[in-house]
C-alpha atoms as a PDB file:
ATOM      1  CA  UNK A   1    -136.985  64.122-162.492  1.00  0.00           C
ATOM      2  CA  UNK A   2    -133.685  61.666-161.929  1.00  0.00           C
ATOM      3  CA  UNK A   3    -131.753  64.267-163.365  1.00  0.00           C
ATOM      4  CA  UNK A   4    -133.068  67.192-161.026  1.00  0.00           C
ATOM      5  CA  UNK A   5    -132.375  64.701-158.059  1.00  0.00           C
ATOM      6  CA  UNK A   6    -128.756  64.383-159.266  1.00  0.00           C
ATOM      7  CA  UNK A   7    -128.143  68.277-159.445  1.00  0.00           C
ATOM      8  CA  UNK A   8    -129.777  68.374-156.081  1.00  0.00           C
ATOM      9  CA  UNK A   9    -127.243  65.965-154.758  1.00  0.00           C
ATOM     10  CA  UNK A  10    -124.252  67.313-156.676  1.00  0.00           C
ATOM     11  CA  UNK A  11    -125.051  70.602-154.703  1.00  0.00           C
ATOM     12  CA  UNK A  12    -125.525  69.000-151.547  1.00  0.00           C
ATOM     13  CA  UNK A  13    -121.947  67.424-152.056  1.00  0.00           C
ATOM     14  CA  UNK A  14    -120.320  70.624-152.763  1.00  0.00           C
ATOM     15  CA  UNK A  15    -121.988  72.445-149.556  1.00  0.00           C
ATOM     16  CA  UNK A  16    -120.806  69.096-147.443  1.00  0.00           C
ATOM     17  CA  UNK A  17    -117.038  69.286-148.404  1.00  0.00           C
ATOM     18  CA  UNK A  18    -117.226  73.012-148.919  1.00  0.00           C
ATOM     19  CA  UNK A  19    -117.948  73.952-145.404  1.00  0.00           C
ATOM     20  CA  UNK A  20    -117.343  70.417-143.573  1.00  0.00           C
ATOM     21  CA  UNK A  21    -121.021  69.784-142.840  1.00  0.00           C
ATOM     22  CA  UNK A  22    -120.548  66.149-143.730  1.00  0.00           C
ATOM     23  CA  UNK A  23    -120.976  64.695-140.225  1.00  0.00           C
ATOM     24  CA  UNK A  24    -124.434  67.057-139.175  1.00  0.00           C
ATOM     25  CA  UNK A  25    -126.982  64.847-139.160  1.00  0.00           C
ATOM     26  CA  UNK A  26    -129.413  66.540-141.422  1.00  0.00           C
ATOM     27  CA  UNK A  27    -127.231  66.567-144.543  1.00  0.00           C
ATOM     28  CA  UNK A  28    -126.316  63.097-143.922  1.00  0.00           C
ATOM     29  CA  UNK A  29    -129.898  61.893-143.641  1.00  0.00           C
ATOM     30  CA  UNK A  30    -130.720  64.117-146.980  1.00  0.00           C
ATOM     31  CA  UNK A  31    -127.385  62.839-148.853  1.00  0.00           C
ATOM     32  CA  UNK A  32    -128.533  59.192-148.070  1.00  0.00           C
ATOM     33  CA  UNK A  33    -132.312  59.586-149.050  1.00  0.00           C
ATOM     34  CA  UNK A  34    -131.207  61.338-152.597  1.00  0.00           C
ATOM     35  CA  UNK A  35    -128.814  58.495-152.906  1.00  0.00           C
ATOM     36  CA  UNK A  36    -131.515  55.779-152.457  1.00  0.00           C
ATOM     37  CA  UNK A  37    -133.546  57.367-154.931  1.00  0.00           C
ATOM     38  CA  UNK A  38    -130.834  57.723-157.712  1.00  0.00           C
ATOM     39  CA  UNK A  39    -128.899  54.264-157.310  1.00  0.00           C
ATOM     40  CA  UNK A  40    -128.990  51.375-159.524  1.00  0.00           C
ATOM     41  CA  UNK A  41    -127.418  48.024-159.800  1.00  0.00           C
ATOM     42  CA  UNK A  42    -125.616  48.631-163.286  1.00  0.00           C
ATOM     43  CA  UNK A  43    -123.676  51.548-164.854  1.00  0.00           C
ATOM     44  CA  UNK A  44    -121.039  52.431-167.109  1.00  0.00           C
ATOM     45  CA  UNK A  45    -117.761  52.889-165.038  1.00  0.00           C
ATOM     46  CA  UNK A  46    -115.130  54.326-166.559  1.00  0.00           C
ATOM     47  CA  UNK A  47    -115.408  52.566-169.917  1.00  0.00           C
ATOM     48  CA  UNK A  48    -116.625  49.462-168.245  1.00  0.00           C
ATOM     49  CA  UNK A  49    -120.319  47.752-167.626  1.00  0.00           C
ATOM     50  CA  UNK A  50    -120.597  47.228-164.262  1.00  0.00           C
ATOM     51  CA  UNK A  51    -123.002  45.289-161.999  1.00  0.00           C
ATOM     52  CA  UNK A  52    -123.350  47.043-158.540  1.00  0.00           C
ATOM     53  CA  UNK A  53    -123.949  45.886-155.266  1.00  0.00           C
ATOM     54  CA  UNK A  54    -127.665  46.535-153.841  1.00  0.00           C
ATOM     55  CA  UNK A  55    -126.193  49.601-151.657  1.00  0.00           C
ATOM     56  CA  UNK A  56    -123.968  50.880-154.349  1.00  0.00           C
ATOM     57  CA  UNK A  57    -121.561  51.196-151.819  1.00  0.00           C
ATOM     58  CA  UNK A  58    -118.907  52.955-153.948  1.00  0.00           C
ATOM     59  CA  UNK A  59    -121.456  55.167-155.129  1.00  0.00           C
ATOM     60  CA  UNK A  60    -120.838  54.437-158.767  1.00  0.00           C
ATOM     61  CA  UNK A  61    -124.174  54.826-160.356  1.00  0.00           C
ATOM     62  CA  UNK A  62    -123.964  58.254-159.226  1.00  0.00           C
ATOM     63  CA  UNK A  63    -120.539  59.598-159.405  1.00  0.00           C
ATOM     64  CA  UNK A  64    -119.295  56.983-162.221  1.00  0.00           C
ATOM     65  CA  UNK A  65    -115.713  57.035-160.371  1.00  0.00           C
ATOM     66  CA  UNK A  66    -114.218  56.035-157.206  1.00  0.00           C
ATOM     67  CA  UNK A  67    -111.253  58.018-155.605  1.00  0.00           C
ATOM     68  CA  UNK A  68    -110.617  60.041-158.699  1.00  0.00           C
ATOM     69  CA  UNK A  69    -107.037  61.421-157.857  1.00  0.00           C
ATOM     70  CA  UNK A  70    -105.992  57.721-157.074  1.00  0.00           C
ATOM     71  CA  UNK A  71    -107.959  56.266-160.206  1.00  0.00           C
ATOM     72  CA  UNK A  72    -106.052  58.675-162.498  1.00  0.00           C
ATOM     73  CA  UNK A  73    -102.523  57.709-161.000  1.00  0.00           C
ATOM     74  CA  UNK A  74    -103.582  53.934-161.020  1.00  0.00           C
ATOM     75  CA  UNK A  75    -104.167  54.305-164.722  1.00  0.00           C
ATOM     76  CA  UNK A  76    -100.875  56.210-165.440  1.00  0.00           C
ATOM     77  CA  UNK A  77     -98.879  54.062-163.232  1.00  0.00           C
ATOM     78  CA  UNK A  78     -99.679  50.336-164.553  1.00  0.00           C
ATOM     79  CA  UNK A  79     -97.932  49.529-167.891  1.00  0.00           C
ATOM     80  CA  UNK A  80     -98.959  46.814-170.814  1.00  0.00           C
ATOM     81  CA  UNK A  81     -97.410  43.702-169.513  1.00  0.00           C
ATOM     82  CA  UNK A  82     -97.235  44.028-166.081  1.00  0.00           C
ATOM     83  CA  UNK A  83     -98.618  41.684-163.556  1.00  0.00           C
ATOM     84  CA  UNK A  84    -100.478  43.116-161.041  1.00  0.00           C
ATOM     85  CA  UNK A  85    -102.363  41.970-157.707  1.00  0.00           C
ATOM     86  CA  UNK A  86    -106.083  43.279-156.487  1.00  0.00           C
ATOM     87  CA  UNK A  87    -105.852  42.315-152.925  1.00  0.00           C
ATOM     88  CA  UNK A  88    -109.396  43.282-151.571  1.00  0.00           C
ATOM     89  CA  UNK A  89    -111.107  43.263-155.053  1.00  0.00           C
ATOM     90  CA  UNK A  90    -114.721  43.729-154.147  1.00  0.00           C
ATOM     91  CA  UNK A  91    -116.912  43.808-157.068  1.00  0.00           C
ATOM     92  CA  UNK A  92    -113.786  45.071-159.736  1.00  0.00           C
ATOM     93  CA  UNK A  93    -113.800  48.676-159.825  1.00  0.00           C
ATOM     94  CA  UNK A  94    -109.730  48.401-159.541  1.00  0.00           C
ATOM     95  CA  UNK A  95    -109.776  45.044-161.135  1.00  0.00           C
ATOM     96  CA  UNK A  96    -111.154  46.386-164.437  1.00  0.00           C
ATOM     97  CA  UNK A  97    -109.105  49.210-164.320  1.00  0.00           C
ATOM     98  CA  UNK A  98    -106.251  47.429-163.830  1.00  0.00           C
ATOM     99  CA  UNK A  99    -106.959  44.758-166.524  1.00  0.00           C
ATOM    100  CA  UNK A 100    -107.176  47.544-169.254  1.00  0.00           C
ATOM    101  CA  UNK A 101    -104.404  48.875-168.353  1.00  0.00           C
ATOM    102  CA  UNK A 102    -102.084  45.645-168.380  1.00  0.00           C
ATOM    103  CA  UNK A 103    -103.429  44.413-171.564  1.00  0.00           C
ATOM    104  CA  UNK A 104    -103.340  41.336-173.256  1.00  0.00           C
ATOM    105  CA  UNK A 105     -99.686  40.815-172.503  1.00  0.00           C
ATOM    106  CA  UNK A 106    -100.122  41.357-168.540  1.00  0.00           C
ATOM    107  CA  UNK A 107    -102.439  39.640-165.936  1.00  0.00           C
ATOM    108  CA  UNK A 108    -104.206  40.437-162.783  1.00  0.00           C
ATOM    109  CA  UNK A 109    -104.858  38.097-159.946  1.00  0.00           C
ATOM    110  CA  UNK A 110    -107.959  39.322-157.814  1.00  0.00           C
ATOM    111  CA  UNK A 111    -108.796  38.115-154.456  1.00  0.00           C
ATOM    112  CA  UNK A 112    -112.241  38.739-152.880  1.00  0.00           C
ATOM    113  CA  UNK A 113    -113.456  36.233-150.401  1.00  0.00           C
ATOM    114  CA  UNK A 114    -116.824  37.203-149.950  1.00  0.00           C
ATOM    115  CA  UNK A 115    -119.560  35.126-151.975  1.00  0.00           C
ATOM    116  CA  UNK A 116    -121.706  37.941-153.315  1.00  0.00           C
ATOM    117  CA  UNK A 117    -119.164  40.304-153.904  1.00  0.00           C
ATOM    118  CA  UNK A 118    -116.898  37.491-155.874  1.00  0.00           C
ATOM    119  CA  UNK A 119    -120.247  37.029-157.782  1.00  0.00           C
ATOM    120  CA  UNK A 120    -120.383  40.199-158.808  1.00  0.00           C
ATOM    121  CA  UNK A 121    -116.695  40.559-159.478  1.00  0.00           C
ATOM    122  CA  UNK A 122    -116.977  37.398-161.787  1.00  0.00           C
ATOM    123  CA  UNK A 123    -119.786  39.068-163.595  1.00  0.00           C
ATOM    124  CA  UNK A 124    -117.824  42.333-164.107  1.00  0.00           C
ATOM    125  CA  UNK A 125    -115.118  40.490-165.422  1.00  0.00           C
ATOM    126  CA  UNK A 126    -117.059  38.425-167.837  1.00  0.00           C
ATOM    127  CA  UNK A 127    -119.376  41.195-169.475  1.00  0.00           C
ATOM    128  CA  UNK A 128    -116.228  43.036-170.091  1.00  0.00           C
ATOM    129  CA  UNK A 129    -114.542  40.037-171.857  1.00  0.00           C
ATOM    130  CA  UNK A 130    -111.171  40.192-169.869  1.00  0.00           C
ATOM    131  CA  UNK A 131    -109.077  37.067-170.001  1.00  0.00           C
ATOM    132  CA  UNK A 132    -106.024  38.282-168.466  1.00  0.00           C
ATOM    133  CA  UNK A 133    -107.779  38.158-165.050  1.00  0.00           C
ATOM    134  CA  UNK A 134    -107.203  35.311-162.395  1.00  0.00           C
ATOM    135  CA  UNK A 135    -109.869  35.318-159.926  1.00  0.00           C
ATOM    136  CA  UNK A 136    -109.213  33.768-156.258  1.00  0.00           C
ATOM    137  CA  UNK A 137    -112.309  33.635-153.895  1.00  0.00           C
ATOM    138  CA  UNK A 138    -110.009  33.979-150.841  1.00  0.00           C
ATOM    139  CA  UNK A 139    -108.880  36.123-148.451  1.00  0.00           C
ATOM    140  CA  UNK A 140    -105.313  37.222-148.467  1.00  0.00           C
ATOM    141  CA  UNK A 141    -103.674  36.801-144.777  1.00  0.00           C
ATOM    142  CA  UNK A 142    -100.635  35.248-142.945  1.00  0.00           C
ATOM    143  CA  UNK A 143    -102.270  31.958-142.718  1.00  0.00           C
ATOM    144  CA  UNK A 144    -103.915  29.324-144.894  1.00  0.00           C
ATOM    145  CA  UNK A 145    -106.993  28.483-142.905  1.00  0.00           C
ATOM    146  CA  UNK A 146    -110.662  28.599-142.475  1.00  0.00           C
ATOM    147  CA  UNK A 147    -112.071  31.718-140.595  1.00  0.00           C
ATOM    148  CA  UNK A 148    -115.115  33.896-139.715  1.00  0.00           C
ATOM    149  CA  UNK A 149    -115.852  36.704-142.244  1.00  0.00           C
ATOM    150  CA  UNK A 150    -118.082  39.497-140.062  1.00  0.00           C
ATOM    151  CA  UNK A 151    -120.779  41.486-142.613  1.00  0.00           C
ATOM    152  CA  UNK A 152    -121.564  44.885-142.608  1.00  0.00           C
ATOM    153  CA  UNK A 153    -124.991  45.190-143.742  1.00  0.00           C
ATOM    154  CA  UNK A 154    -124.725  49.000-144.745  1.00  0.00           C
ATOM    155  CA  UNK A 155    -121.380  48.392-146.757  1.00  0.00           C
ATOM    156  CA  UNK A 156    -120.315  45.708-148.646  1.00  0.00           C
ATOM    157  CA  UNK A 157    -116.548  46.931-149.068  1.00  0.00           C
ATOM    158  CA  UNK A 158    -116.403  46.838-145.156  1.00  0.00           C
ATOM    159  CA  UNK A 159    -116.706  42.993-144.047  1.00  0.00           C
ATOM    160  CA  UNK A 160    -114.016  42.307-141.871  1.00  0.00           C
ATOM    161  CA  UNK A 161    -112.147  39.074-140.536  1.00  0.00           C
ATOM    162  CA  UNK A 162    -112.648  40.608-136.832  1.00  0.00           C
ATOM    163  CA  UNK A 163    -116.199  41.745-135.254  1.00  0.00           C
ATOM    164  CA  UNK A 164    -115.366  45.590-135.451  1.00  0.00           C
ATOM    165  CA  UNK A 165    -119.285  46.633-136.298  1.00  0.00           C
ATOM    166  CA  UNK A 166    -120.687  43.946-133.937  1.00  0.00           C
ATOM    167  CA  UNK A 167    -122.153  42.196-136.575  1.00  0.00           C
ATOM    168  CA  UNK A 168    -124.907  39.880-136.713  1.00  0.00           C
ATOM    169  CA  UNK A 169    -124.075  37.682-139.089  1.00  0.00           C
ATOM    170  CA  UNK A 170    -121.095  35.762-140.189  1.00  0.00           C
ATOM    171  CA  UNK A 171    -119.707  33.385-142.899  1.00  0.00           C
ATOM    172  CA  UNK A 172    -116.832  31.170-142.795  1.00  0.00           C
ATOM    173  CA  UNK A 173    -114.122  31.972-145.512  1.00  0.00           C
ATOM    174  CA  UNK A 174    -110.863  30.819-146.683  1.00  0.00           C
ATOM    175  CA  UNK A 175    -107.537  32.426-146.409  1.00  0.00           C
ATOM    176  CA  UNK A 176    -104.184  32.253-148.285  1.00  0.00           C
ATOM    177  CA  UNK A 177    -100.745  33.117-147.768  1.00  0.00           C
ATOM    178  CA  UNK A 178     -99.470  34.656-150.870  1.00  0.00           C
ATOM    179  CA  UNK A 179     -95.733  33.097-150.424  1.00  0.00           C
ATOM    180  CA  UNK A 180     -97.700  30.108-150.743  1.00  0.00           C
ATOM    181  CA  UNK A 181     -99.921  30.985-153.548  1.00  0.00           C
ATOM    182  CA  UNK A 182     -96.887  32.323-155.614  1.00  0.00           C
ATOM    183  CA  UNK A 183     -94.217  29.720-154.524  1.00  0.00           C
ATOM    184  CA  UNK A 184     -93.894  28.215-158.348  1.00  0.00           C
ATOM    185  CA  UNK A 185     -94.858  31.709-160.032  1.00  0.00           C
ATOM    186  CA  UNK A 186     -91.878  32.907-161.887  1.00  0.00           C
ATOM    187  CA  UNK A 187     -92.889  35.798-163.427  1.00  0.00           C
ATOM    188  CA  UNK A 188     -92.314  39.149-161.997  1.00  0.00           C
ATOM    189  CA  UNK A 189     -94.974  40.965-159.647  1.00  0.00           C
ATOM    190  CA  UNK A 190     -94.954  44.833-160.490  1.00  0.00           C
ATOM    191  CA  UNK A 191     -97.789  46.532-158.324  1.00  0.00           C
ATOM    192  CA  UNK A 192    -100.197  45.675-156.014  1.00  0.00           C
ATOM    193  CA  UNK A 193    -103.151  47.506-155.039  1.00  0.00           C
ATOM    194  CA  UNK A 194    -104.693  46.250-151.272  1.00  0.00           C
ATOM    195  CA  UNK A 195    -107.321  47.467-148.939  1.00  0.00           C
ATOM    196  CA  UNK A 196    -108.601  44.356-146.779  1.00  0.00           C
ATOM    197  CA  UNK A 197    -110.192  46.712-143.621  1.00  0.00           C
ATOM    198  CA  UNK A 198    -107.501  46.134-141.114  1.00  0.00           C
ATOM    199  CA  UNK A 199    -106.143  42.435-142.312  1.00  0.00           C
ATOM    200  CA  UNK A 200    -103.181  44.269-144.159  1.00  0.00           C
ATOM    201  CA  UNK A 201    -100.776  43.586-141.340  1.00  0.00           C
ATOM    202  CA  UNK A 202    -101.104  39.866-141.751  1.00  0.00           C
ATOM    203  CA  UNK A 203    -101.522  40.045-145.547  1.00  0.00           C
ATOM    204  CA  UNK A 204     -98.068  41.861-145.509  1.00  0.00           C
ATOM    205  CA  UNK A 205     -96.882  39.218-143.336  1.00  0.00           C
ATOM    206  CA  UNK A 206     -97.920  36.367-145.568  1.00  0.00           C
ATOM    207  CA  UNK A 207     -96.223  37.485-148.689  1.00  0.00           C
ATOM    208  CA  UNK A 208     -92.728  38.751-146.953  1.00  0.00           C
ATOM    209  CA  UNK A 209     -90.759  36.852-149.594  1.00  0.00           C
ATOM    210  CA  UNK A 210     -93.093  37.874-152.490  1.00  0.00           C
ATOM    211  CA  UNK A 211     -91.745  41.351-151.402  1.00  0.00           C
ATOM    212  CA  UNK A 212     -88.674  40.556-150.780  1.00  0.00           C
ATOM    213  CA  UNK A 213     -87.745  39.328-154.352  1.00  0.00           C
ATOM    214  CA  UNK A 214     -89.964  41.539-156.386  1.00  0.00           C
ATOM    215  CA  UNK A 215     -89.152  45.418-157.253  1.00  0.00           C
ATOM    216  CA  UNK A 216     -92.603  46.794-156.853  1.00  0.00           C
ATOM    217  CA  UNK A 217     -95.010  49.280-155.617  1.00  0.00           C
ATOM    218  CA  UNK A 218     -97.915  48.762-153.143  1.00  0.00           C
ATOM    219  CA  UNK A 219    -100.900  50.984-152.711  1.00  0.00           C
ATOM    220  CA  UNK A 220    -102.499  50.165-149.417  1.00  0.00           C
ATOM    221  CA  UNK A 221    -105.109  51.561-146.778  1.00  0.00           C
ATOM    222  CA  UNK A 222    -103.523  52.701-143.562  1.00  0.00           C
ATOM    223  CA  UNK A 223    -106.312  52.664-140.786  1.00  0.00           C
ATOM    224  CA  UNK A 224    -105.023  52.234-137.515  1.00  0.00           C
ATOM    225  CA  UNK A 225    -108.309  51.073-135.408  1.00  0.00           C
ATOM    226  CA  UNK A 226    -109.145  48.269-138.177  1.00  0.00           C
ATOM    227  CA  UNK A 227    -105.098  47.113-137.956  1.00  0.00           C
ATOM    228  CA  UNK A 228    -105.012  46.767-134.137  1.00  0.00           C
ATOM    229  CA  UNK A 229    -108.159  44.561-134.184  1.00  0.00           C
ATOM    230  CA  UNK A 230    -106.563  42.403-136.453  1.00  0.00           C
ATOM    231  CA  UNK A 231    -103.436  42.340-133.681  1.00  0.00           C
ATOM    232  CA  UNK A 232    -100.784  44.162-135.635  1.00  0.00           C
ATOM    233  CA  UNK A 233    -100.509  47.921-134.427  1.00  0.00           C
ATOM    234  CA  UNK A 234     -99.743  51.013-136.807  1.00  0.00           C
ATOM    235  CA  UNK A 235     -96.166  51.191-135.605  1.00  0.00           C
ATOM    236  CA  UNK A 236     -95.708  47.586-136.190  1.00  0.00           C
ATOM    237  CA  UNK A 237     -97.317  47.696-139.819  1.00  0.00           C
ATOM    238  CA  UNK A 238     -95.356  50.701-140.990  1.00  0.00           C
ATOM    239  CA  UNK A 239     -91.847  49.619-139.712  1.00  0.00           C
ATOM    240  CA  UNK A 240     -92.766  45.702-141.296  1.00  0.00           C
ATOM    241  CA  UNK A 241     -93.067  48.092-144.738  1.00  0.00           C
ATOM    242  CA  UNK A 242     -89.735  49.892-144.057  1.00  0.00           C
ATOM    243  CA  UNK A 243     -87.921  46.452-143.275  1.00  0.00           C
ATOM    244  CA  UNK A 244     -89.050  45.102-146.594  1.00  0.00           C
ATOM    245  CA  UNK A 245     -87.073  48.445-148.352  1.00  0.00           C
ATOM    246  CA  UNK A 246     -90.288  50.487-148.994  1.00  0.00           C
ATOM    247  CA  UNK A 247     -90.346  54.234-148.887  1.00  0.00           C
ATOM    248  CA  UNK A 248     -93.752  55.610-147.692  1.00  0.00           C
ATOM    249  CA  UNK A 249     -95.971  58.352-149.638  1.00  0.00           C
ATOM    250  CA  UNK A 250     -99.264  59.625-148.546  1.00  0.00           C
ATOM    251  CA  UNK A 251    -101.782  59.641-151.204  1.00  0.00           C
ATOM    252  CA  UNK A 252    -104.177  62.788-150.783  1.00  0.00           C
ATOM    253  CA  UNK A 253    -107.290  62.561-152.621  1.00  0.00           C
ATOM    254  CA  UNK A 254    -108.602  65.987-151.263  1.00  0.00           C
ATOM    255  CA  UNK A 255    -105.140  67.826-151.886  1.00  0.00           C
ATOM    256  CA  UNK A 256    -104.511  65.800-155.118  1.00  0.00           C
ATOM    257  CA  UNK A 257    -101.307  65.325-154.111  1.00  0.00           C
ATOM    258  CA  UNK A 258     -98.632  62.045-153.128  1.00  0.00           C
ATOM    259  CA  UNK A 259     -96.215  63.364-150.455  1.00  0.00           C
ATOM    260  CA  UNK A 260     -93.154  61.169-148.928  1.00  0.00           C
ATOM    261  CA  UNK A 261     -93.990  60.714-145.386  1.00  0.00           C
ATOM    262  CA  UNK A 262     -92.042  58.911-142.421  1.00  0.00           C
ATOM    263  CA  UNK A 263     -93.368  56.990-139.287  1.00  0.00           C
ATOM    264  CA  UNK A 264     -93.379  59.337-136.791  1.00  0.00           C
ATOM    265  CA  UNK A 265     -95.654  61.617-138.995  1.00  0.00           C
ATOM    266  CA  UNK A 266     -97.994  59.122-139.860  1.00  0.00           C
ATOM    267  CA  UNK A 267     -98.274  57.941-136.167  1.00  0.00           C
ATOM    268  CA  UNK A 268     -99.053  61.608-134.929  1.00  0.00           C
ATOM    269  CA  UNK A 269    -101.402  62.167-137.887  1.00  0.00           C
ATOM    270  CA  UNK A 270    -103.732  59.247-137.667  1.00  0.00           C
ATOM    271  CA  UNK A 271    -103.516  58.025-133.908  1.00  0.00           C
ATOM    272  CA  UNK A 272    -105.152  54.595-132.895  1.00  0.00           C
ATOM    273  CA  UNK A 273    -107.872  56.238-130.713  1.00  0.00           C
ATOM    274  CA  UNK A 274    -109.285  58.270-133.677  1.00  0.00           C
ATOM    275  CA  UNK A 275    -111.446  57.208-137.207  1.00  0.00           C
ATOM    276  CA  UNK A 276    -108.796  58.541-139.245  1.00  0.00           C
ATOM    277  CA  UNK A 277    -107.146  56.825-142.244  1.00  0.00           C
ATOM    278  CA  UNK A 278    -105.523  57.115-145.309  1.00  0.00           C
ATOM    279  CA  UNK A 279    -103.864  55.454-148.523  1.00  0.00           C
ATOM    280  CA  UNK A 280    -100.443  54.972-148.911  1.00  0.00           C
ATOM    281  CA  UNK A 281     -97.901  54.538-151.931  1.00  0.00           C
ATOM    282  CA  UNK A 282     -95.039  52.007-150.910  1.00  0.00           C
ATOM    283  CA  UNK A 283     -92.010  52.348-153.310  1.00  0.00           C
ATOM    284  CA  UNK A 284     -89.032  49.920-153.032  1.00  0.00           C
ATOM    285  CA  UNK A 285     -85.970  51.935-152.015  1.00  0.00           C
ATOM    286  CA  UNK A 286     -83.816  50.910-155.289  1.00  0.00           C
ATOM    287  CA  UNK A 287     -86.717  51.819-157.803  1.00  0.00           C
ATOM    288  CA  UNK A 288     -85.630  55.661-158.812  1.00  0.00           C
ATOM    289  CA  UNK A 289     -88.105  58.115-157.496  1.00  0.00           C
ATOM    290  CA  UNK A 290     -88.734  59.688-160.754  1.00  0.00           C
ATOM    291  CA  UNK A 291     -89.578  56.686-162.699  1.00  0.00           C
ATOM    292  CA  UNK A 292     -92.458  56.209-160.063  1.00  0.00           C
ATOM    293  CA  UNK A 293     -94.114  59.211-159.412  1.00  0.00           C
ATOM    294  CA  UNK A 294     -93.472  61.228-162.975  1.00  0.00           C
ATOM    295  CA  UNK A 295     -97.364  60.635-163.964  1.00  0.00           C
ATOM    296  CA  UNK A 296     -98.358  62.928-161.048  1.00  0.00           C
END
């Protein structure tokens, strides 16, 4: 029965993506109903055992992978011995991949403030036996302070530190500036993966010195509406990245491509009044392009 439901689900997904029916109400209802029947709270994902959140917000129990193109890029880009940061680690999908890639010689710092997500993140690191991961139950921002996190009841990956979804439930969490957290850390940092639901601008402000002194790469979400809700508009955020010496590339999951892009193009393609977003690869200008994109 479950195999039959999975087959139906995959056919629906092909129809939705092939004919752009994803926003049509009946298709959404059918899709979510099938997912509710198929999802589980535990799965083997990309060679790792994973405890999943009750909603399986990333769809891992069914799809067995999240963001396939970006996942493949990360697996090829990260090298043994690298030091990487997973900011907005959620339940650890990318944390586990990063931990495997860097090996015993490397290290992963994973930041996740929400208690339930953090508990699953910790369990997932432990069940897979990784000793090269440092878990930090804090949000990354431009201040060291206590603040409110507003919870999204439908998606545990969409909690925010501003009330974008008119949430009726909130909790107090702690935030930290990475310039302070890594003040006495003398090792190089090679790579940052960041998805913090619009707080990316504040996070970059709080790690300004760290980014200045490290020749690294960043994968970050670019979502104008949440950025504005946090208090930093799209143009300010992109100019901050340029100021720090980063060239920008758009990651297209659908086209399976990474393309050079400039600020005017991004602002035109993703205006602040539209619910459109993308992921960006940010590469320091002094890192040879061929060394950073040869795995594409």
